[in-house]
Amino acid sequence: MNQISNKLVLSTLLVLSCSMTACVVVPAPARHHYVGSVVVVAPPPLRREIIGVAPGRGYVWIDGYWVWERGRHAWIGGRWEAPHPGFIWRPHRWHHERDGWYLEDGHWDRR
């Protein structure tokens, strides 16, 4: 191959690799968030998030939520997740009981 062909191939590969990065869905990082443990401080109101375009057909938007981390509430941003045919997403949910607040982890439920 000549020098022009090499440059054309490299340029094409560079453009393709850059354009594909916009479609990558990265799973949320694993974080310790005291699911099931009591927290005495009520979570703040949910944040409004800008929901971008789904990366593919059937993707499900998972809303952001508050976790209890290092003695304070910390926000975990929403994300797109690949479809799980036959399942429905149940969001994270804080509920109050006599002794404090508990976080129920979000999960996929069979329909």
N, C-alpha and C. Protein backbone atom coordinates (compact mmCIF):
# COMPACT_ATOMS: atom_id res chain seq x y z
N MET A 1 0.84 -1.18 0.00
CA MET A 1 0.00 0.00 0.00
C MET A 1 0.88 1.23 0.00
N ASN A 2 0.39 2.23 -0.64
CA ASN A 2 1.18 3.46 -0.68
C ASN A 2 0.84 4.34 0.54
N GLN A 3 1.55 5.44 0.65
CA GLN A 3 1.42 6.31 1.80
C GLN A 3 0.03 6.95 1.89
N ILE A 4 -0.59 7.30 0.77
CA ILE A 4 -1.92 7.91 0.77
C ILE A 4 -2.95 6.89 1.25
N SER A 5 -2.84 5.64 0.80
CA SER A 5 -3.77 4.60 1.24
C SER A 5 -3.65 4.36 2.73
N ASN A 6 -2.43 4.34 3.26
CA ASN A 6 -2.23 4.15 4.70
C ASN A 6 -2.88 5.27 5.50
N LYS A 7 -2.73 6.51 5.06
CA LYS A 7 -3.32 7.65 5.75
C LYS A 7 -4.84 7.57 5.69
N LEU A 8 -5.38 7.16 4.55
CA LEU A 8 -6.83 7.05 4.40
C LEU A 8 -7.39 5.99 5.35
N VAL A 9 -6.72 4.85 5.42
CA VAL A 9 -7.16 3.76 6.31
C VAL A 9 -7.09 4.22 7.76
N LEU A 10 -5.98 4.84 8.16
CA LEU A 10 -5.83 5.31 9.54
C LEU A 10 -6.85 6.39 9.88
N SER A 11 -7.10 7.30 8.96
CA SER A 11 -8.09 8.36 9.19
C SER A 11 -9.49 7.77 9.36
N THR A 12 -9.82 6.81 8.51
CA THR A 12 -11.12 6.16 8.59
C THR A 12 -11.29 5.43 9.92
N LEU A 13 -10.26 4.72 10.35
CA LEU A 13 -10.31 4.01 11.63
C LEU A 13 -10.46 4.99 12.80
N LEU A 14 -9.77 6.11 12.74
CA LEU A 14 -9.85 7.11 13.79
C LEU A 14 -11.26 7.69 13.88
N VAL A 15 -11.84 8.04 12.73
CA VAL A 15 -13.19 8.59 12.71
C VAL A 15 -14.19 7.58 13.24
N LEU A 16 -14.07 6.33 12.80
CA LEU A 16 -15.00 5.29 13.26
C LEU A 16 -14.87 5.05 14.76
N SER A 17 -13.67 5.00 15.27
CA SER A 17 -13.49 4.74 16.71
C SER A 17 -14.01 5.91 17.54
N CYS A 18 -13.84 7.14 17.08
CA CYS A 18 -14.35 8.30 17.81
C CYS A 18 -15.87 8.35 17.77
N SER A 19 -16.45 8.01 16.64
CA SER A 19 -17.91 8.07 16.54
C SER A 19 -18.57 6.98 17.37
N MET A 20 -17.91 5.86 17.56
CA MET A 20 -18.48 4.78 18.34
C MET A 20 -18.44 5.07 19.83
N THR A 21 -17.55 5.92 20.30
CA THR A 21 -17.46 6.18 21.73
C THR A 21 -18.70 6.86 22.26
N ALA A 22 -19.47 7.56 21.43
CA ALA A 22 -20.67 8.23 21.89
C ALA A 22 -21.78 7.23 22.22
N CYS A 23 -21.66 5.99 21.80
CA CYS A 23 -22.71 5.00 22.01
C CYS A 23 -22.38 4.01 23.12
N VAL A 24 -21.27 4.17 23.77
CA VAL A 24 -20.87 3.21 24.80
C VAL A 24 -21.67 3.47 26.06
N VAL A 25 -22.22 2.41 26.64
CA VAL A 25 -22.94 2.51 27.91
C VAL A 25 -22.06 1.86 28.96
N VAL A 26 -21.69 2.64 29.95
CA VAL A 26 -20.82 2.14 31.01
C VAL A 26 -21.68 1.83 32.22
N PRO A 27 -21.56 0.63 32.78
CA PRO A 27 -22.36 0.31 33.96
C PRO A 27 -21.96 1.21 35.14
N ALA A 28 -22.93 1.42 36.01
CA ALA A 28 -22.65 2.25 37.19
C ALA A 28 -21.59 1.57 38.05
N PRO A 29 -20.68 2.35 38.62
CA PRO A 29 -19.66 1.76 39.46
C PRO A 29 -20.28 1.15 40.71
N ALA A 30 -19.73 0.04 41.15
CA ALA A 30 -20.21 -0.58 42.39
C ALA A 30 -19.83 0.32 43.55
N ARG A 31 -20.79 0.61 44.41
CA ARG A 31 -20.53 1.46 45.57
C ARG A 31 -21.21 0.83 46.77
N HIS A 32 -20.61 1.01 47.90
CA HIS A 32 -21.22 0.55 49.15
C HIS A 32 -22.25 1.58 49.56
N HIS A 33 -23.51 1.21 49.60
CA HIS A 33 -24.52 2.19 49.95
C HIS A 33 -25.49 1.72 51.02
N TYR A 34 -25.05 0.89 51.89
CA TYR A 34 -25.79 0.56 53.10
C TYR A 34 -27.23 0.12 52.84
N VAL A 35 -27.45 -0.66 51.81
CA VAL A 35 -28.80 -1.15 51.55
C VAL A 35 -29.24 -1.99 52.75
N GLY A 36 -30.41 -1.67 53.28
CA GLY A 36 -30.95 -2.42 54.40
C GLY A 36 -30.51 -1.92 55.76
N SER A 37 -29.56 -1.01 55.83
CA SER A 37 -29.13 -0.46 57.11
C SER A 37 -29.91 0.81 57.40
N VAL A 38 -30.07 1.11 58.68
CA VAL A 38 -30.84 2.28 59.07
C VAL A 38 -30.00 3.55 58.94
N VAL A 39 -30.64 4.61 58.45
CA VAL A 39 -30.03 5.93 58.33
C VAL A 39 -30.99 6.89 59.03
N VAL A 40 -30.49 7.74 59.92
CA VAL A 40 -31.38 8.63 60.68
C VAL A 40 -31.65 9.95 59.98
N VAL A 41 -30.97 10.24 58.89
CA VAL A 41 -31.15 11.48 58.14
C VAL A 41 -31.96 11.19 56.88
N ALA A 42 -33.08 11.90 56.72
CA ALA A 42 -33.93 11.70 55.54
C ALA A 42 -33.17 12.06 54.27
N PRO A 43 -33.39 11.32 53.17
CA PRO A 43 -32.73 11.67 51.91
C PRO A 43 -33.29 12.98 51.36
N PRO A 44 -32.45 13.75 50.65
CA PRO A 44 -32.94 14.98 50.00
C PRO A 44 -33.92 14.63 48.88
N PRO A 45 -34.63 15.64 48.35
CA PRO A 45 -35.50 15.38 47.20
C PRO A 45 -34.68 14.86 46.01
N LEU A 46 -35.32 14.06 45.17
CA LEU A 46 -34.63 13.55 43.99
C LEU A 46 -34.21 14.72 43.10
N ARG A 47 -33.10 14.57 42.43
CA ARG A 47 -32.63 15.60 41.50
C ARG A 47 -33.29 15.41 40.14
N ARG A 48 -33.47 16.51 39.45
CA ARG A 48 -33.93 16.43 38.06
C ARG A 48 -32.70 16.15 37.21
N GLU A 49 -32.84 15.21 36.32
CA GLU A 49 -31.73 14.84 35.45
C GLU A 49 -32.11 15.04 34.00
N ILE A 50 -31.12 15.39 33.21
CA ILE A 50 -31.33 15.48 31.77
C ILE A 50 -31.12 14.08 31.21
N ILE A 51 -32.16 13.58 30.57
CA ILE A 51 -32.10 12.23 30.01
C ILE A 51 -31.78 12.35 28.53
N GLY A 52 -30.63 11.88 28.15
CA GLY A 52 -30.22 11.93 26.75
C GLY A 52 -30.91 10.87 25.92
N VAL A 53 -30.49 10.76 24.70
CA VAL A 53 -31.05 9.78 23.77
C VAL A 53 -30.57 8.38 24.15
N ALA A 54 -31.48 7.44 24.14
CA ALA A 54 -31.12 6.05 24.45
C ALA A 54 -30.06 5.55 23.48
N PRO A 55 -29.11 4.77 23.96
CA PRO A 55 -28.04 4.29 23.08
C PRO A 55 -28.48 3.18 22.13
N GLY A 56 -29.67 2.66 22.33
CA GLY A 56 -30.15 1.60 21.46
C GLY A 56 -31.63 1.34 21.70
N ARG A 57 -32.20 0.57 20.83
CA ARG A 57 -33.63 0.24 20.91
C ARG A 57 -33.92 -0.57 22.17
N GLY A 58 -34.96 -0.17 22.87
CA GLY A 58 -35.41 -0.91 24.05
C GLY A 58 -34.68 -0.60 25.33
N TYR A 59 -33.66 0.28 25.28
CA TYR A 59 -32.92 0.60 26.50
C TYR A 59 -33.85 1.25 27.52
N VAL A 60 -33.58 1.01 28.80
CA VAL A 60 -34.41 1.51 29.89
C VAL A 60 -33.63 2.55 30.67
N TRP A 61 -34.27 3.69 30.97
CA TRP A 61 -33.63 4.72 31.79
C TRP A 61 -33.79 4.34 33.25
N ILE A 62 -32.68 4.26 33.98
CA ILE A 62 -32.67 3.99 35.42
C ILE A 62 -32.45 5.33 36.11
N ASP A 63 -33.45 5.81 36.84
CA ASP A 63 -33.33 7.11 37.51
C ASP A 63 -32.21 7.12 38.54
N GLY A 64 -31.66 8.32 38.75
CA GLY A 64 -30.67 8.49 39.80
C GLY A 64 -31.32 8.37 41.17
N TYR A 65 -30.50 8.23 42.20
CA TYR A 65 -31.03 8.04 43.56
C TYR A 65 -29.97 8.44 44.58
N TRP A 66 -30.39 8.65 45.79
CA TRP A 66 -29.49 8.98 46.89
C TRP A 66 -29.04 7.72 47.61
N VAL A 67 -27.77 7.68 47.99
CA VAL A 67 -27.22 6.61 48.83
C VAL A 67 -26.65 7.26 50.09
N TRP A 68 -26.45 6.46 51.11
CA TRP A 68 -25.80 6.92 52.33
C TRP A 68 -24.36 6.46 52.27
N GLU A 69 -23.44 7.43 52.24
CA GLU A 69 -22.03 7.12 52.03
C GLU A 69 -21.16 8.04 52.87
N ARG A 70 -20.32 7.46 53.71
CA ARG A 70 -19.39 8.22 54.56
C ARG A 70 -20.11 9.27 55.41
N GLY A 71 -21.25 8.88 55.96
CA GLY A 71 -21.96 9.75 56.88
C GLY A 71 -22.79 10.85 56.24
N ARG A 72 -23.07 10.72 54.94
CA ARG A 72 -23.90 11.74 54.28
C ARG A 72 -24.57 11.11 53.05
N HIS A 73 -25.59 11.79 52.56
CA HIS A 73 -26.24 11.33 51.34
C HIS A 73 -25.41 11.75 50.13
N ALA A 74 -25.25 10.85 49.18
CA ALA A 74 -24.51 11.12 47.95
C ALA A 74 -25.39 10.69 46.77
N TRP A 75 -25.36 11.50 45.72
CA TRP A 75 -26.20 11.24 44.54
C TRP A 75 -25.51 10.29 43.58
N ILE A 76 -26.24 9.29 43.11
CA ILE A 76 -25.79 8.38 42.05
C ILE A 76 -26.63 8.75 40.82
N GLY A 77 -25.98 9.23 39.78
CA GLY A 77 -26.70 9.68 38.59
C GLY A 77 -27.38 8.56 37.84
N GLY A 78 -28.44 8.92 37.11
CA GLY A 78 -29.18 7.95 36.31
C GLY A 78 -28.34 7.44 35.15
N ARG A 79 -28.84 6.38 34.52
CA ARG A 79 -28.10 5.76 33.42
C ARG A 79 -29.05 4.96 32.53
N TRP A 80 -28.60 4.69 31.33
CA TRP A 80 -29.33 3.81 30.43
C TRP A 80 -28.86 2.38 30.67
N GLU A 81 -29.77 1.45 30.61
CA GLU A 81 -29.40 0.05 30.77
C GLU A 81 -30.03 -0.77 29.65
N ALA A 82 -29.30 -1.78 29.21
CA ALA A 82 -29.79 -2.65 28.14
C ALA A 82 -31.09 -3.32 28.58
N PRO A 83 -31.96 -3.60 27.62
CA PRO A 83 -33.24 -4.22 27.96
C PRO A 83 -33.07 -5.61 28.58
N HIS A 84 -33.99 -5.95 29.45
CA HIS A 84 -34.05 -7.28 30.06
C HIS A 84 -35.43 -7.85 29.70
N PRO A 85 -35.53 -8.52 28.55
CA PRO A 85 -36.84 -9.02 28.10
C PRO A 85 -37.53 -9.84 29.19
N GLY A 86 -38.82 -9.55 29.40
CA GLY A 86 -39.59 -10.28 30.40
C GLY A 86 -39.45 -9.73 31.80
N PHE A 87 -38.72 -8.62 31.97
CA PHE A 87 -38.51 -8.04 33.29
C PHE A 87 -38.90 -6.56 33.29
N ILE A 88 -39.19 -6.04 34.47
CA ILE A 88 -39.50 -4.63 34.65
C ILE A 88 -38.58 -4.09 35.75
N TRP A 89 -38.09 -2.84 35.57
CA TRP A 89 -37.20 -2.23 36.54
C TRP A 89 -38.00 -1.67 37.72
N ARG A 90 -37.61 -2.02 38.92
CA ARG A 90 -38.17 -1.47 40.15
C ARG A 90 -37.12 -0.52 40.72
N PRO A 91 -37.41 0.78 40.79
CA PRO A 91 -36.39 1.75 41.19
C PRO A 91 -35.99 1.65 42.66
N HIS A 92 -34.81 2.23 42.96
CA HIS A 92 -34.36 2.36 44.34
C HIS A 92 -35.40 3.17 45.09
N ARG A 93 -35.57 2.87 46.36
CA ARG A 93 -36.62 3.55 47.12
C ARG A 93 -36.23 3.63 48.59
N TRP A 94 -36.32 4.83 49.12
CA TRP A 94 -36.13 5.04 50.56
C TRP A 94 -37.49 4.91 51.23
N HIS A 95 -37.54 4.23 52.37
CA HIS A 95 -38.78 4.21 53.14
C HIS A 95 -38.45 4.44 54.62
N HIS A 96 -39.40 5.08 55.29
CA HIS A 96 -39.19 5.46 56.69
C HIS A 96 -39.90 4.49 57.61
N GLU A 97 -39.19 4.10 58.66
CA GLU A 97 -39.78 3.28 59.72
C GLU A 97 -39.50 3.98 61.04
N ARG A 98 -39.94 3.40 62.12
CA ARG A 98 -39.82 4.01 63.44
C ARG A 98 -38.41 4.49 63.77
N ASP A 99 -37.41 3.67 63.45
CA ASP A 99 -36.03 3.99 63.86
C ASP A 99 -35.20 4.72 62.81
N GLY A 100 -35.75 4.99 61.63
CA GLY A 100 -34.99 5.72 60.62
C GLY A 100 -35.39 5.38 59.20
N TRP A 101 -34.46 5.65 58.27
CA TRP A 101 -34.68 5.49 56.84
C TRP A 101 -33.92 4.26 56.34
N TYR A 102 -34.54 3.54 55.40
CA TYR A 102 -33.94 2.36 54.79
C TYR A 102 -33.98 2.49 53.28
N LEU A 103 -32.90 2.07 52.63
CA LEU A 103 -32.86 2.08 51.16
C LEU A 103 -33.12 0.67 50.64
N GLU A 104 -34.13 0.57 49.79
CA GLU A 104 -34.37 -0.68 49.07
C GLU A 104 -33.67 -0.54 47.73
N ASP A 105 -32.79 -1.45 47.43
CA ASP A 105 -32.03 -1.38 46.19
C ASP A 105 -32.94 -1.60 44.98
N GLY A 106 -32.67 -0.88 43.89
CA GLY A 106 -33.40 -1.10 42.66
C GLY A 106 -33.06 -2.48 42.09
N HIS A 107 -34.01 -3.04 41.34
CA HIS A 107 -33.77 -4.39 40.81
C HIS A 107 -34.74 -4.68 39.66
N TRP A 108 -34.42 -5.72 38.91
CA TRP A 108 -35.27 -6.19 37.83
C TRP A 108 -36.21 -7.27 38.37
N ASP A 109 -37.50 -7.11 38.10
CA ASP A 109 -38.52 -8.08 38.51
C ASP A 109 -39.10 -8.74 37.26
N ARG A 110 -39.34 -10.04 37.39
CA ARG A 110 -40.00 -10.73 36.28
C ARG A 110 -41.43 -10.23 36.18
N ARG A 111 -41.87 -9.96 34.96
CA ARG A 111 -43.25 -9.46 34.75
C ARG A 111 -44.26 -10.50 35.07
